[in-house]
Amino acid sequence: MKSTFNVEFGANKIESKEVIATAKKVWVDEGGKNRKVKDLVQMDLYVKPEENAVYYVFNDEETGSFPLYE
């Protein structure tokens, strides 16, 4: 089965794969030189378009957020 998931808010639209890719980049970038995507075993994302934010929990311990739209 192929599926897509899009978030639309006002004039903005973004696909779930873009949000996931950004989250993985945040994981790697914030972890220093030794952190790899394969070290990310669980990723919970909470999208709040009205706040232009994606809140995350990585591996049940690391939390934070990044902008949904640029």
Protein backbone atom coordinates (compact mmCIF):
# COMPACT_ATOMS: atom_id res chain seq x y z
CA MET A 1 0.00 0.00 0.00
CA LYS A 2 1.26 3.44 -0.89
CA SER A 3 0.05 6.35 1.18
CA THR A 4 0.73 10.04 1.72
CA PHE A 5 0.02 12.34 4.61
CA ASN A 6 -0.05 16.11 4.12
CA VAL A 7 -0.50 18.96 6.57
CA GLU A 8 -2.20 22.10 5.31
CA PHE A 9 -2.66 25.26 7.31
CA GLY A 10 -3.51 28.56 5.68
CA ALA A 11 -1.47 28.87 2.50
CA ASN A 12 1.13 26.34 3.71
CA LYS A 13 1.35 22.68 2.78
CA ILE A 14 3.94 20.08 3.71
CA GLU A 15 4.21 16.32 3.21
CA SER A 16 4.88 13.95 6.08
CA LYS A 17 8.06 12.67 4.43
CA GLU A 18 9.51 16.20 4.59
CA VAL A 19 8.68 16.47 8.30
CA ILE A 20 10.25 13.06 8.97
CA ALA A 21 13.38 13.94 6.98
CA THR A 22 13.76 17.20 8.92
CA ALA A 23 13.32 15.35 12.22
CA LYS A 24 16.04 12.87 11.28
CA LYS A 25 18.34 15.76 10.35
CA VAL A 26 17.66 17.41 13.71
CA TRP A 27 18.50 14.11 15.44
CA VAL A 28 21.85 13.86 13.67
CA ASP A 29 22.75 17.57 13.85
CA GLU A 30 22.01 17.95 17.56
CA GLY A 31 23.86 14.79 18.52
CA GLY A 32 27.35 15.71 17.47
CA LYS A 33 29.65 13.95 15.04
CA ASN A 34 29.07 10.41 16.30
CA ARG A 35 25.28 10.29 16.01
CA LYS A 36 23.77 8.42 13.06
CA VAL A 37 20.17 8.01 11.86
CA LYS A 38 20.43 4.28 12.61
CA ASP A 39 20.79 5.19 16.32
CA LEU A 40 17.27 6.65 16.26
CA VAL A 41 15.06 3.70 17.24
CA GLN A 42 11.89 5.61 18.14
CA MET A 43 10.62 8.96 16.94
CA ASP A 44 7.35 10.49 18.11
CA LEU A 45 6.29 13.67 16.29
CA TYR A 46 3.51 16.06 17.26
CA VAL A 47 2.53 18.56 14.56
CA LYS A 48 0.96 21.86 15.64
CA PRO A 49 0.40 23.92 12.48
CA GLU A 50 -1.18 26.78 14.42
CA GLU A 51 2.16 27.20 16.24
CA ASN A 52 4.27 26.46 13.14
CA ALA A 53 5.94 23.75 15.19
CA VAL A 54 6.77 20.07 15.25
CA TYR A 55 7.47 18.76 18.73
CA TYR A 56 9.51 15.57 18.98
CA VAL A 57 10.53 12.85 21.39
CA PHE A 58 13.52 10.82 20.25
CA ASN A 59 14.16 7.41 21.80
CA ASP A 60 11.78 8.18 24.68
CA GLU A 61 14.23 10.67 26.21
CA GLU A 62 15.24 13.62 24.04
CA THR A 63 12.63 16.33 23.43
CA GLY A 64 12.45 19.55 21.50
CA SER A 65 10.88 21.23 18.51
CA PHE A 66 11.56 22.66 15.08
CA PRO A 67 9.56 24.86 12.67
CA LEU A 68 6.98 23.13 10.51
CA TYR A 69 7.17 25.71 7.74
CA GLU A 70 10.10 27.91 6.85
